[in-house]
Amino acid sequence: MAYLFGDILAVTWFDVALTWGLALLLMAVMTRVWRPLLALSVHTELAQVEGVKVWQVSASYMLLIALMVTVAMKVVGVLLLTALLIIPAATARRFARTPERMALLAIVLGMLALMLGMVISLQLDTPTGPSIVVAASFYSFWCNGCHSVAAD
C-alpha cells in the first residue's frame, strides 16, 4: 500500500536531501534543454530542421521524469503521483500565457497543494498522500470556476 499511496510521514532526512539534490539537477538540466524541448513539443520535424537533437532531448527528458517518479514514489505513491503531475499543470495552463509562466505557476500550485494537503491531513487525521491530491483537485476546481466566471 505504501508504494501505491505513499507515506510522506515516513520520509527520512536522506530522502529530503535526495529530493533537493534531484530538484537542483532537474532545474539545471531543464534550463539547458528548455528551448529544444519546447520546440520538440510543438513540432518534431520542425525542431529537427532547426538543429534540435531530438533523440538526446527526448531521452534526457524521459530520464528526468523517471528520476523524479522514483524519488516521489515514496512520498505520495505511484497512483497519486500521476495526479500531482497533471493537476497543477492543467490548472496553471488556464492562467498562463507562456510555457515558462505555466511551469512556474504549476510549481507554486504543487507546493500549495502539498502544504494544504498536509494541513488537511493533520486536522482531519486522514492519509497524507490522498489529502494532498484532494487539496490539488479542490483548488483546481475552485480556480477553474473563478477563471470561467471572470471570463464571462
C-alpha atoms as a PDB file:
ATOM      1  CA  MET A   1       0.000   0.000   0.000  1.00  0.00           C
ATOM      2  CA  ALA A   2       2.889   2.371   0.717  1.00  0.00           C
ATOM      3  CA  TYR A   3       4.087   2.118  -2.899  1.00  0.00           C
ATOM      4  CA  LEU A   4       0.608   2.806  -4.256  1.00  0.00           C
ATOM      5  CA  PHE A   5      -0.372   5.659  -1.945  1.00  0.00           C
ATOM      6  CA  GLY A   6       2.945   6.663  -0.383  1.00  0.00           C
ATOM      7  CA  ASP A   7       3.645   7.846   3.134  1.00  0.00           C
ATOM      8  CA  ILE A   8       5.028  11.353   3.423  1.00  0.00           C
ATOM      9  CA  LEU A   9       5.362  10.933   7.170  1.00  0.00           C
ATOM     10  CA  ALA A  10       7.921   8.129   6.675  1.00  0.00           C
ATOM     11  CA  VAL A  11      10.342  10.383   4.769  1.00  0.00           C
ATOM     12  CA  THR A  12      13.843  10.469   6.252  1.00  0.00           C
ATOM     13  CA  TRP A  13      16.422  13.266   6.150  1.00  0.00           C
ATOM     14  CA  PHE A  14      18.273  11.295   3.491  1.00  0.00           C
ATOM     15  CA  ASP A  15      15.106  11.337   1.361  1.00  0.00           C
ATOM     16  CA  VAL A  16      14.831  15.106   1.823  1.00  0.00           C
ATOM     17  CA  ALA A  17      18.468  15.590   0.800  1.00  0.00           C
ATOM     18  CA  LEU A  18      17.983  13.281  -2.175  1.00  0.00           C
ATOM     19  CA  THR A  19      14.877  15.207  -3.224  1.00  0.00           C
ATOM     20  CA  TRP A  20      16.687  18.551  -3.010  1.00  0.00           C
ATOM     21  CA  GLY A  21      19.625  17.180  -4.951  1.00  0.00           C
ATOM     22  CA  LEU A  22      17.308  15.856  -7.630  1.00  0.00           C
ATOM     23  CA  ALA A  23      15.444  19.176  -7.730  1.00  0.00           C
ATOM     24  CA  LEU A  24      18.703  21.029  -8.343  1.00  0.00           C
ATOM     25  CA  LEU A  25      19.661  18.522 -11.048  1.00  0.00           C
ATOM     26  CA  LEU A  26      16.231  18.864 -12.661  1.00  0.00           C
ATOM     27  CA  MET A  27      16.492  22.655 -12.697  1.00  0.00           C
ATOM     28  CA  ALA A  28      19.976  22.557 -14.196  1.00  0.00           C
ATOM     29  CA  VAL A  29      19.046  20.133 -16.952  1.00  0.00           C
ATOM     30  CA  MET A  30      15.703  21.800 -17.684  1.00  0.00           C
ATOM     31  CA  THR A  31      17.342  25.211 -18.123  1.00  0.00           C
ATOM     32  CA  ARG A  32      19.686  23.595 -20.636  1.00  0.00           C
ATOM     33  CA  VAL A  33      17.036  21.723 -22.636  1.00  0.00           C
ATOM     34  CA  TRP A  34      14.031  24.077 -22.189  1.00  0.00           C
ATOM     35  CA  ARG A  35      14.089  25.701 -25.647  1.00  0.00           C
ATOM     36  CA  PRO A  36      14.825  22.475 -27.555  1.00  0.00           C
ATOM     37  CA  LEU A  37      12.159  20.668 -25.523  1.00  0.00           C
ATOM     38  CA  LEU A  38       9.651  23.414 -26.257  1.00  0.00           C
ATOM     39  CA  ALA A  39      10.450  23.251 -29.977  1.00  0.00           C
ATOM     40  CA  LEU A  40      10.187  19.474 -29.860  1.00  0.00           C
ATOM     41  CA  SER A  41       6.806  19.576 -28.158  1.00  0.00           C
ATOM     42  CA  VAL A  42       5.409  21.938 -30.806  1.00  0.00           C
ATOM     43  CA  HIS A  43       6.573  20.025 -33.893  1.00  0.00           C
ATOM     44  CA  THR A  44       9.138  17.238 -34.016  1.00  0.00           C
ATOM     45  CA  GLU A  45      10.184  17.610 -37.647  1.00  0.00           C
ATOM     46  CA  LEU A  46      10.465  21.389 -37.410  1.00  0.00           C
ATOM     47  CA  ALA A  47      12.622  21.055 -34.304  1.00  0.00           C
ATOM     48  CA  GLN A  48      14.843  18.574 -36.139  1.00  0.00           C
ATOM     49  CA  VAL A  49      15.240  21.006 -39.038  1.00  0.00           C
ATOM     50  CA  GLU A  50      16.172  23.742 -36.533  1.00  0.00           C
ATOM     51  CA  GLY A  51      19.024  21.534 -35.332  1.00  0.00           C
ATOM     52  CA  VAL A  52      17.496  20.064 -32.188  1.00  0.00           C
ATOM     53  CA  LYS A  53      18.924  16.663 -31.357  1.00  0.00           C
ATOM     54  CA  VAL A  54      15.523  15.047 -30.939  1.00  0.00           C
ATOM     55  CA  TRP A  55      16.697  11.744 -29.509  1.00  0.00           C
ATOM     56  CA  GLN A  56      19.001  13.359 -26.920  1.00  0.00           C
ATOM     57  CA  VAL A  57      16.397  15.860 -25.728  1.00  0.00           C
ATOM     58  CA  SER A  58      13.677  13.206 -25.549  1.00  0.00           C
ATOM     59  CA  ALA A  59      15.925  10.748 -23.724  1.00  0.00           C
ATOM     60  CA  SER A  60      17.088  13.341 -21.195  1.00  0.00           C
ATOM     61  CA  TYR A  61      13.506  14.422 -20.503  1.00  0.00           C
ATOM     62  CA  MET A  62      12.351  10.831 -20.025  1.00  0.00           C
ATOM     63  CA  LEU A  63      15.295  10.189 -17.712  1.00  0.00           C
ATOM     64  CA  LEU A  64      14.431  13.249 -15.616  1.00  0.00           C
ATOM     65  CA  ILE A  65      10.792  12.162 -15.335  1.00  0.00           C
ATOM     66  CA  ALA A  66      11.877   8.647 -14.350  1.00  0.00           C
ATOM     67  CA  LEU A  67      14.206  10.003 -11.644  1.00  0.00           C
ATOM     68  CA  MET A  68      11.504  12.298 -10.311  1.00  0.00           C
ATOM     69  CA  VAL A  69       8.947   9.483 -10.215  1.00  0.00           C
ATOM     70  CA  THR A  70      11.412   7.205  -8.422  1.00  0.00           C
ATOM     71  CA  VAL A  71      12.061   9.725  -5.661  1.00  0.00           C
ATOM     72  CA  ALA A  72       8.468  10.965  -5.353  1.00  0.00           C
ATOM     73  CA  MET A  73       7.043   7.436  -5.263  1.00  0.00           C
ATOM     74  CA  LYS A  74       7.951   7.069  -1.584  1.00  0.00           C
ATOM     75  CA  VAL A  75       6.309  10.354  -0.668  1.00  0.00           C
ATOM     76  CA  VAL A  76       2.972  10.253  -2.499  1.00  0.00           C
ATOM     77  CA  GLY A  77       2.891   6.838  -4.158  1.00  0.00           C
ATOM     78  CA  VAL A  78       2.575   5.785  -7.773  1.00  0.00           C
ATOM     79  CA  LEU A  79      -1.153   6.386  -8.157  1.00  0.00           C
ATOM     80  CA  LEU A  80      -1.181   9.803  -6.527  1.00  0.00           C
ATOM     81  CA  LEU A  81       1.999  10.935  -8.284  1.00  0.00           C
ATOM     82  CA  THR A  82       0.184  10.847 -11.597  1.00  0.00           C
ATOM     83  CA  ALA A  83      -2.435  13.219 -10.219  1.00  0.00           C
ATOM     84  CA  LEU A  84       0.241  15.585  -8.915  1.00  0.00           C
ATOM     85  CA  LEU A  85       1.940  15.621 -12.306  1.00  0.00           C
ATOM     86  CA  ILE A  86      -1.277  16.518 -14.098  1.00  0.00           C
ATOM     87  CA  ILE A  87      -3.482  18.647 -11.814  1.00  0.00           C
ATOM     88  CA  PRO A  88      -1.129  21.608 -11.115  1.00  0.00           C
ATOM     89  CA  ALA A  89      -0.054  21.794 -14.762  1.00  0.00           C
ATOM     90  CA  ALA A  90      -3.644  21.611 -16.016  1.00  0.00           C
ATOM     91  CA  THR A  91      -4.684  24.357 -13.595  1.00  0.00           C
ATOM     92  CA  ALA A  92      -1.708  26.547 -14.477  1.00  0.00           C
ATOM     93  CA  ARG A  93      -2.457  26.188 -18.180  1.00  0.00           C
ATOM     94  CA  ARG A  94      -5.675  28.155 -17.789  1.00  0.00           C
ATOM     95  CA  PHE A  95      -3.906  31.156 -16.274  1.00  0.00           C
ATOM     96  CA  ALA A  96      -0.549  31.331 -18.050  1.00  0.00           C
ATOM     97  CA  ARG A  97       0.111  32.860 -21.428  1.00  0.00           C
ATOM     98  CA  THR A  98       3.605  31.428 -21.907  1.00  0.00           C
ATOM     99  CA  PRO A  99       5.068  27.976 -21.225  1.00  0.00           C
ATOM    100  CA  GLU A 100       7.567  29.489 -18.789  1.00  0.00           C
ATOM    101  CA  ARG A 101       4.837  31.084 -16.679  1.00  0.00           C
ATOM    102  CA  MET A 102       2.833  27.873 -16.832  1.00  0.00           C
ATOM    103  CA  ALA A 103       5.795  25.883 -15.467  1.00  0.00           C
ATOM    104  CA  LEU A 104       6.404  28.354 -12.639  1.00  0.00           C
ATOM    105  CA  LEU A 105       2.724  28.549 -11.744  1.00  0.00           C
ATOM    106  CA  ALA A 106       2.444  24.744 -11.767  1.00  0.00           C
ATOM    107  CA  ILE A 107       5.364  24.561  -9.313  1.00  0.00           C
ATOM    108  CA  VAL A 108       3.700  27.079  -6.997  1.00  0.00           C
ATOM    109  CA  LEU A 109       0.346  25.293  -7.224  1.00  0.00           C
ATOM    110  CA  GLY A 110       2.010  21.952  -6.494  1.00  0.00           C
ATOM    111  CA  MET A 111       3.677  23.396  -3.392  1.00  0.00           C
ATOM    112  CA  LEU A 112       0.369  24.905  -2.243  1.00  0.00           C
ATOM    113  CA  ALA A 113      -1.326  21.539  -2.696  1.00  0.00           C
ATOM    114  CA  LEU A 114       1.397  19.903  -0.633  1.00  0.00           C
ATOM    115  CA  MET A 115       1.035  22.366   2.225  1.00  0.00           C
ATOM    116  CA  LEU A 116      -2.768  22.423   2.180  1.00  0.00           C
ATOM    117  CA  GLY A 117      -2.938  18.634   1.951  1.00  0.00           C
ATOM    118  CA  MET A 118      -0.650  18.240   4.943  1.00  0.00           C
ATOM    119  CA  VAL A 119      -2.780  20.667   6.973  1.00  0.00           C
ATOM    120  CA  ILE A 120      -5.933  18.776   5.979  1.00  0.00           C
ATOM    121  CA  SER A 121      -4.259  15.500   6.910  1.00  0.00           C
ATOM    122  CA  LEU A 122      -3.227  16.855  10.307  1.00  0.00           C
ATOM    123  CA  GLN A 123      -6.587  18.432  11.116  1.00  0.00           C
ATOM    124  CA  LEU A 124      -8.832  15.599   9.879  1.00  0.00           C
ATOM    125  CA  ASP A 125      -6.470  12.684  10.650  1.00  0.00           C
ATOM    126  CA  THR A 126      -6.572  11.411   7.064  1.00  0.00           C
ATOM    127  CA  PRO A 127      -3.800   9.791   4.987  1.00  0.00           C
ATOM    128  CA  THR A 128      -1.399  12.480   3.835  1.00  0.00           C
ATOM    129  CA  GLY A 129      -0.866  11.488   0.175  1.00  0.00           C
ATOM    130  CA  PRO A 130      -4.555  11.351  -0.756  1.00  0.00           C
ATOM    131  CA  SER A 131      -5.156  14.570   1.209  1.00  0.00           C
ATOM    132  CA  ILE A 132      -2.562  16.349  -0.924  1.00  0.00           C
ATOM    133  CA  VAL A 133      -4.254  15.201  -4.122  1.00  0.00           C
ATOM    134  CA  VAL A 134      -7.687  16.190  -2.795  1.00  0.00           C
ATOM    135  CA  ALA A 135      -6.279  19.646  -1.999  1.00  0.00           C
ATOM    136  CA  ALA A 136      -4.836  19.939  -5.507  1.00  0.00           C
ATOM    137  CA  SER A 137      -8.152  18.850  -7.011  1.00  0.00           C
ATOM    138  CA  PHE A 138     -10.060  21.286  -4.805  1.00  0.00           C
ATOM    139  CA  TYR A 139      -8.098  24.354  -5.819  1.00  0.00           C
ATOM    140  CA  SER A 140      -8.096  23.157  -9.422  1.00  0.00           C
ATOM    141  CA  PHE A 141     -11.892  23.129  -9.463  1.00  0.00           C
ATOM    142  CA  TRP A 142     -12.035  26.365  -7.495  1.00  0.00           C
ATOM    143  CA  CYS A 143      -9.529  28.158  -9.766  1.00  0.00           C
ATOM    144  CA  ASN A 144     -11.217  26.889 -12.915  1.00  0.00           C
ATOM    145  CA  GLY A 145     -14.570  28.100 -11.601  1.00  0.00           C
ATOM    146  CA  CYS A 146     -13.114  31.517 -10.786  1.00  0.00           C
ATOM    147  CA  HIS A 147     -11.475  31.737 -14.192  1.00  0.00           C
ATOM    148  CA  SER A 148     -14.663  30.844 -16.056  1.00  0.00           C
ATOM    149  CA  VAL A 149     -16.668  33.372 -14.016  1.00  0.00           C
ATOM    150  CA  ALA A 150     -14.049  36.047 -14.649  1.00  0.00           C
ATOM    151  CA  ALA A 151     -14.102  35.282 -18.376  1.00  0.00           C
ATOM    152  CA  ASP A 152     -17.886  35.792 -18.560  1.00  0.00           C
END
